Amino acid sequence: MNTNLQAVGMIEFNSIAMGIETADHMLKSASVNPLMMKTICPGKYLVAVHGDVSSVQSAVDAGLELAQSAMVDYLVIPNIEPAVVSAMSGTNASEITSTLGIIETFSVTSAILAADSAVKNSDVDLIEVRIAMGLGGKAFFTLTGDLSNVEAAINNAAEVVANNGMLVRKSVIASLSAELKPYI
C-alpha cells in the first residue's frame, strides 16, 4: 500500500449496499483511486479514496450527496501522515516503549482523523489503527513515546474526536507491563 498520499477521503456507511453504490459513484465522479473498500462490523461498509485534495473533496462531496442517511461519519485529510496509512494496513513496525496511549471511538473515520492529528502534533509513534472488525463497529488506535508526548497526543486526539461525539474513551498507561506488550 502506498503510504505517501496527497489526500485521503473516507465515508463510513450503515448500509453495505449503499456503501458499494456510493463507492462506484465516487470513483466515477472524480479522478481518485481506491484506498480501502470493505465491510466492517456490525454490517457497515467503509470507502476510502486517495488523490489530489480537490479531487478527493469532490469525490467525498458526491458520495455524501448520494449516501445521505446511510452515512455514519466521513473525513477528508489533506497530507495524511504516512504512519497513519501504514497503521491502517497493519504494517507499522513501531515498538512499544514504556508508555502506551489509546483512543477508542464509535467510528472508523473518527479514529483515523484523531490518529492523524495526534501524530502530526506530537513526537509519538503510531502502533496500530484497528478498524471495526470484531469491535462492534468501534475503532481504536495505539501509540507510544515519552510520557509527556503521549499525554499531549492523546489529549489532542481526544479533543478532535470529542468534537463530533465519537469518543468512547482515552487512556495513557505509563510504564506498561512488559508482559502485556506482546498482546497489544
C-alpha atoms as a PDB file:
ATOM      1  CA  MET A   1       0.000   0.000   0.000  1.00  0.00           C
ATOM      2  CA  ASN A   2       1.341   3.416  -0.976  1.00  0.00           C
ATOM      3  CA  THR A   3       1.689   5.458   2.222  1.00  0.00           C
ATOM      4  CA  ASN A   4       2.688   8.815   0.683  1.00  0.00           C
ATOM      5  CA  LEU A   5      -0.702  10.151  -0.350  1.00  0.00           C
ATOM      6  CA  GLN A   6      -1.702  13.741  -1.106  1.00  0.00           C
ATOM      7  CA  ALA A   7      -5.155  13.393   0.405  1.00  0.00           C
ATOM      8  CA  VAL A   8      -7.469  10.704   1.731  1.00  0.00           C
ATOM      9  CA  GLY A   9     -11.243  10.817   1.810  1.00  0.00           C
ATOM     10  CA  MET A  10     -13.383   8.312   3.640  1.00  0.00           C
ATOM     11  CA  ILE A  11     -17.071   7.644   4.200  1.00  0.00           C
ATOM     12  CA  GLU A  12     -18.417   5.097   6.672  1.00  0.00           C
ATOM     13  CA  PHE A  13     -21.881   3.670   5.917  1.00  0.00           C
ATOM     14  CA  ASN A  14     -24.544   1.842   7.919  1.00  0.00           C
ATOM     15  CA  SER A  15     -25.559   0.010   4.714  1.00  0.00           C
ATOM     16  CA  ILE A  16     -23.301  -2.282   2.699  1.00  0.00           C
ATOM     17  CA  ALA A  17     -25.409  -1.870  -0.458  1.00  0.00           C
ATOM     18  CA  MET A  18     -25.333   1.930  -0.228  1.00  0.00           C
ATOM     19  CA  GLY A  19     -21.611   1.823   0.528  1.00  0.00           C
ATOM     20  CA  ILE A  20     -20.833  -0.131  -2.625  1.00  0.00           C
ATOM     21  CA  GLU A  21     -23.161   2.019  -4.739  1.00  0.00           C
ATOM     22  CA  THR A  22     -21.605   5.193  -3.357  1.00  0.00           C
ATOM     23  CA  ALA A  23     -18.061   3.867  -3.887  1.00  0.00           C
ATOM     24  CA  ASP A  24     -18.872   3.393  -7.561  1.00  0.00           C
ATOM     25  CA  HIS A  25     -20.343   6.897  -7.741  1.00  0.00           C
ATOM     26  CA  MET A  26     -17.302   8.444  -6.026  1.00  0.00           C
ATOM     27  CA  LEU A  27     -14.835   6.732  -8.366  1.00  0.00           C
ATOM     28  CA  LYS A  28     -16.815   7.861 -11.412  1.00  0.00           C
ATOM     29  CA  SER A  29     -17.345  11.438 -10.198  1.00  0.00           C
ATOM     30  CA  ALA A  30     -13.717  12.472  -9.618  1.00  0.00           C
ATOM     31  CA  SER A  31     -10.181  11.468 -10.505  1.00  0.00           C
ATOM     32  CA  VAL A  32      -9.473   9.425  -7.360  1.00  0.00           C
ATOM     33  CA  ASN A  33      -8.129   5.953  -6.638  1.00  0.00           C
ATOM     34  CA  PRO A  34      -9.497   3.380  -4.201  1.00  0.00           C
ATOM     35  CA  LEU A  35      -7.504   3.010  -0.987  1.00  0.00           C
ATOM     36  CA  MET A  36      -9.773   0.746   1.031  1.00  0.00           C
ATOM     37  CA  MET A  37     -13.284  -0.525   0.345  1.00  0.00           C
ATOM     38  CA  LYS A  38     -14.619  -3.223   2.637  1.00  0.00           C
ATOM     39  CA  THR A  39     -17.272  -4.424   5.012  1.00  0.00           C
ATOM     40  CA  ILE A  40     -16.703  -3.707   8.678  1.00  0.00           C
ATOM     41  CA  CYS A  41     -18.643  -4.673  11.794  1.00  0.00           C
ATOM     42  CA  PRO A  42     -21.545  -4.544  12.524  1.00  0.00           C
ATOM     43  CA  GLY A  43     -22.796  -4.695   8.947  1.00  0.00           C
ATOM     44  CA  LYS A  44     -21.224  -1.394   7.921  1.00  0.00           C
ATOM     45  CA  TYR A  45     -19.181  -0.511   4.840  1.00  0.00           C
ATOM     46  CA  LEU A  46     -16.082   1.659   4.586  1.00  0.00           C
ATOM     47  CA  VAL A  47     -14.983   3.526   1.450  1.00  0.00           C
ATOM     48  CA  ALA A  48     -11.598   5.280   1.320  1.00  0.00           C
ATOM     49  CA  VAL A  49     -10.154   7.024  -1.730  1.00  0.00           C
ATOM     50  CA  HIS A  50      -6.997   8.988  -2.392  1.00  0.00           C
ATOM     51  CA  GLY A  51      -5.765  11.545  -4.896  1.00  0.00           C
ATOM     52  CA  ASP A  52      -5.154  15.260  -5.046  1.00  0.00           C
ATOM     53  CA  VAL A  53      -7.006  17.336  -2.455  1.00  0.00           C
ATOM     54  CA  SER A  54      -9.625  18.869  -4.749  1.00  0.00           C
ATOM     55  CA  SER A  55     -10.448  15.530  -6.412  1.00  0.00           C
ATOM     56  CA  VAL A  56     -10.779  13.777  -3.056  1.00  0.00           C
ATOM     57  CA  GLN A  57     -13.014  16.568  -1.743  1.00  0.00           C
ATOM     58  CA  SER A  58     -15.177  16.337  -4.895  1.00  0.00           C
ATOM     59  CA  ALA A  59     -15.481  12.557  -4.575  1.00  0.00           C
ATOM     60  CA  VAL A  60     -16.447  12.763  -0.896  1.00  0.00           C
ATOM     61  CA  ASP A  61     -18.967  15.541  -1.592  1.00  0.00           C
ATOM     62  CA  ALA A  62     -20.527  13.420  -4.355  1.00  0.00           C
ATOM     63  CA  GLY A  63     -20.589  10.426  -2.023  1.00  0.00           C
ATOM     64  CA  LEU A  64     -22.236  12.371   0.787  1.00  0.00           C
ATOM     65  CA  GLU A  65     -24.911  13.686  -1.559  1.00  0.00           C
ATOM     66  CA  LEU A  66     -25.812  10.141  -2.611  1.00  0.00           C
ATOM     67  CA  ALA A  67     -25.386   8.451   0.784  1.00  0.00           C
ATOM     68  CA  GLN A  68     -27.455  10.863   2.884  1.00  0.00           C
ATOM     69  CA  SER A  69     -28.943   8.939   5.848  1.00  0.00           C
ATOM     70  CA  ALA A  70     -26.729   5.867   5.252  1.00  0.00           C
ATOM     71  CA  MET A  71     -23.618   7.891   6.195  1.00  0.00           C
ATOM     72  CA  VAL A  72     -22.258   7.266   9.697  1.00  0.00           C
ATOM     73  CA  ASP A  73     -19.183   9.501   9.526  1.00  0.00           C
ATOM     74  CA  TYR A  74     -16.740  10.906   6.978  1.00  0.00           C
ATOM     75  CA  LEU A  75     -13.434  12.706   6.598  1.00  0.00           C
ATOM     76  CA  VAL A  76     -11.080  14.396   4.174  1.00  0.00           C
ATOM     77  CA  ILE A  77      -7.445  14.631   5.279  1.00  0.00           C
ATOM     78  CA  PRO A  78      -5.026  16.600   3.104  1.00  0.00           C
ATOM     79  CA  ASN A  79      -1.410  15.459   3.530  1.00  0.00           C
ATOM     80  CA  ILE A  80      -2.299  12.483   5.704  1.00  0.00           C
ATOM     81  CA  GLU A  81       0.607  11.331   7.841  1.00  0.00           C
ATOM     82  CA  PRO A  82       2.176   8.247   6.150  1.00  0.00           C
ATOM     83  CA  ALA A  83       2.330   6.456   9.523  1.00  0.00           C
ATOM     84  CA  VAL A  84      -1.485   6.556   9.682  1.00  0.00           C
ATOM     85  CA  VAL A  85      -1.822   4.819   6.314  1.00  0.00           C
ATOM     86  CA  SER A  86       0.718   2.188   7.411  1.00  0.00           C
ATOM     87  CA  ALA A  87      -1.044   1.684  10.743  1.00  0.00           C
ATOM     88  CA  MET A  88      -4.387   1.197   8.968  1.00  0.00           C
ATOM     89  CA  SER A  89      -2.896  -1.681   6.984  1.00  0.00           C
ATOM     90  CA  GLY A  90      -1.057  -3.143   9.977  1.00  0.00           C
ATOM     91  CA  THR A  91       2.410  -2.509   8.544  1.00  0.00           C
ATOM     92  CA  ASN A  92       3.840  -0.159  11.190  1.00  0.00           C
ATOM     93  CA  ALA A  93       6.913  -1.552  12.864  1.00  0.00           C
ATOM     94  CA  SER A  94       6.853   0.686  15.952  1.00  0.00           C
ATOM     95  CA  GLU A  95       7.952  -0.969  19.170  1.00  0.00           C
ATOM     96  CA  ILE A  96       6.103  -0.052  22.336  1.00  0.00           C
ATOM     97  CA  THR A  97       8.256   1.986  24.685  1.00  0.00           C
ATOM     98  CA  SER A  98       7.232   2.226  28.320  1.00  0.00           C
ATOM     99  CA  THR A  99       4.209   4.491  27.657  1.00  0.00           C
ATOM    100  CA  LEU A 100       1.119   3.466  25.694  1.00  0.00           C
ATOM    101  CA  GLY A 101      -1.684   5.776  24.575  1.00  0.00           C
ATOM    102  CA  ILE A 102      -5.079   4.532  23.388  1.00  0.00           C
ATOM    103  CA  ILE A 103      -8.052   6.284  21.806  1.00  0.00           C
ATOM    104  CA  GLU A 104     -11.285   4.311  21.297  1.00  0.00           C
ATOM    105  CA  THR A 105     -14.004   5.722  19.029  1.00  0.00           C
ATOM    106  CA  PHE A 106     -17.502   4.926  17.823  1.00  0.00           C
ATOM    107  CA  SER A 107     -16.452   5.226  14.157  1.00  0.00           C
ATOM    108  CA  VAL A 108     -13.504   4.292  11.976  1.00  0.00           C
ATOM    109  CA  THR A 109     -13.246   7.711  10.380  1.00  0.00           C
ATOM    110  CA  SER A 110     -13.030   9.423  13.774  1.00  0.00           C
ATOM    111  CA  ALA A 111     -10.167   7.157  14.842  1.00  0.00           C
ATOM    112  CA  ILE A 112      -8.239   7.858  11.643  1.00  0.00           C
ATOM    113  CA  LEU A 113      -8.783  11.614  11.880  1.00  0.00           C
ATOM    114  CA  ALA A 114      -7.669  11.610  15.530  1.00  0.00           C
ATOM    115  CA  ALA A 115      -4.627   9.407  14.825  1.00  0.00           C
ATOM    116  CA  ASP A 116      -3.514  11.755  12.055  1.00  0.00           C
ATOM    117  CA  SER A 117      -3.841  14.752  14.367  1.00  0.00           C
ATOM    118  CA  ALA A 118      -2.004  13.004  17.222  1.00  0.00           C
ATOM    119  CA  VAL A 119       0.973  12.044  15.068  1.00  0.00           C
ATOM    120  CA  LYS A 120       1.188  15.444  13.370  1.00  0.00           C
ATOM    121  CA  ASN A 121       1.073  17.388  16.651  1.00  0.00           C
ATOM    122  CA  SER A 122       3.265  15.305  18.974  1.00  0.00           C
ATOM    123  CA  ASP A 123       6.504  13.351  18.826  1.00  0.00           C
ATOM    124  CA  VAL A 124       4.968   9.869  19.109  1.00  0.00           C
ATOM    125  CA  ASP A 125       4.992   6.642  17.105  1.00  0.00           C
ATOM    126  CA  LEU A 126       1.720   5.192  15.902  1.00  0.00           C
ATOM    127  CA  ILE A 127       1.488   1.452  16.535  1.00  0.00           C
ATOM    128  CA  GLU A 128      -1.861   0.488  15.025  1.00  0.00           C
ATOM    129  CA  VAL A 129      -5.229   1.756  13.841  1.00  0.00           C
ATOM    130  CA  ARG A 130      -7.723  -1.092  14.341  1.00  0.00           C
ATOM    131  CA  ILE A 131     -10.683  -0.797  12.004  1.00  0.00           C
ATOM    132  CA  ALA A 132     -14.046  -2.061  13.313  1.00  0.00           C
ATOM    133  CA  MET A 133     -13.619  -5.787  12.706  1.00  0.00           C
ATOM    134  CA  GLY A 134     -14.802  -7.747  15.717  1.00  0.00           C
ATOM    135  CA  LEU A 135     -15.205  -4.480  17.612  1.00  0.00           C
ATOM    136  CA  GLY A 136     -18.943  -3.859  17.307  1.00  0.00           C
ATOM    137  CA  GLY A 137     -18.381  -1.052  14.824  1.00  0.00           C
ATOM    138  CA  LYS A 138     -15.903   0.804  17.001  1.00  0.00           C
ATOM    139  CA  ALA A 139     -12.273   1.561  16.182  1.00  0.00           C
ATOM    140  CA  PHE A 140      -9.175   2.377  18.184  1.00  0.00           C
ATOM    141  CA  PHE A 141      -5.570   3.333  17.766  1.00  0.00           C
ATOM    142  CA  THR A 142      -2.488   2.918  19.893  1.00  0.00           C
ATOM    143  CA  LEU A 143       0.657   4.994  20.027  1.00  0.00           C
ATOM    144  CA  THR A 144       3.828   5.124  22.054  1.00  0.00           C
ATOM    145  CA  GLY A 145       6.565   7.546  23.075  1.00  0.00           C
ATOM    146  CA  ASP A 146       7.740   9.534  26.063  1.00  0.00           C
ATOM    147  CA  LEU A 147       5.048  10.047  28.704  1.00  0.00           C
ATOM    148  CA  SER A 148       4.626  13.796  28.160  1.00  0.00           C
ATOM    149  CA  ASN A 149       4.411  13.386  24.377  1.00  0.00           C
ATOM    150  CA  VAL A 150       1.908  10.525  24.636  1.00  0.00           C
ATOM    151  CA  GLU A 151      -0.246  12.550  27.035  1.00  0.00           C
ATOM    152  CA  ALA A 152      -0.192  15.533  24.658  1.00  0.00           C
ATOM    153  CA  ALA A 153      -1.014  13.335  21.645  1.00  0.00           C
ATOM    154  CA  ILE A 154      -3.879  11.544  23.395  1.00  0.00           C
ATOM    155  CA  ASN A 155      -5.363  14.800  24.705  1.00  0.00           C
ATOM    156  CA  ASN A 156      -5.133  16.335  21.224  1.00  0.00           C
ATOM    157  CA  ALA A 157      -6.733  13.278  19.611  1.00  0.00           C
ATOM    158  CA  ALA A 158      -9.475  13.124  22.247  1.00  0.00           C
ATOM    159  CA  GLU A 159     -10.389  16.755  21.526  1.00  0.00           C
ATOM    160  CA  VAL A 160     -10.653  16.023  17.799  1.00  0.00           C
ATOM    161  CA  VAL A 161     -12.959  13.049  18.396  1.00  0.00           C
ATOM    162  CA  ALA A 162     -14.981  14.581  21.238  1.00  0.00           C
ATOM    163  CA  ASN A 163     -15.991  17.466  18.956  1.00  0.00           C
ATOM    164  CA  ASN A 164     -18.159  15.094  16.911  1.00  0.00           C
ATOM    165  CA  GLY A 165     -19.357  12.954  19.834  1.00  0.00           C
ATOM    166  CA  MET A 166     -17.443   9.849  18.714  1.00  0.00           C
ATOM    167  CA  LEU A 167     -15.055   9.424  21.673  1.00  0.00           C
ATOM    168  CA  VAL A 168     -15.582   6.235  23.689  1.00  0.00           C
ATOM    169  CA  ARG A 169     -12.535   6.523  25.946  1.00  0.00           C
ATOM    170  CA  LYS A 170      -8.937   7.665  26.089  1.00  0.00           C
ATOM    171  CA  SER A 171      -6.175   6.085  28.117  1.00  0.00           C
ATOM    172  CA  VAL A 172      -2.491   6.664  28.838  1.00  0.00           C
ATOM    173  CA  ILE A 173      -0.551   3.886  30.530  1.00  0.00           C
ATOM    174  CA  ALA A 174       2.857   4.905  31.861  1.00  0.00           C
ATOM    175  CA  SER A 175       5.345   2.090  32.452  1.00  0.00           C
ATOM    176  CA  LEU A 176       3.324  -0.533  30.565  1.00  0.00           C
ATOM    177  CA  SER A 177       3.875  -4.019  31.937  1.00  0.00           C
ATOM    178  CA  ALA A 178       6.454  -5.905  29.865  1.00  0.00           C
ATOM    179  CA  GLU A 179       4.209  -8.982  29.994  1.00  0.00           C
ATOM    180  CA  LEU A 180       1.370  -7.050  28.331  1.00  0.00           C
ATOM    181  CA  LYS A 181       3.394  -5.682  25.378  1.00  0.00           C
ATOM    182  CA  PRO A 182       3.120  -8.824  23.183  1.00  0.00           C
ATOM    183  CA  TYR A 183      -0.682  -8.656  23.442  1.00  0.00           C
ATOM    184  CA  ILE A 184      -1.062  -5.081  22.235  1.00  0.00           C
END
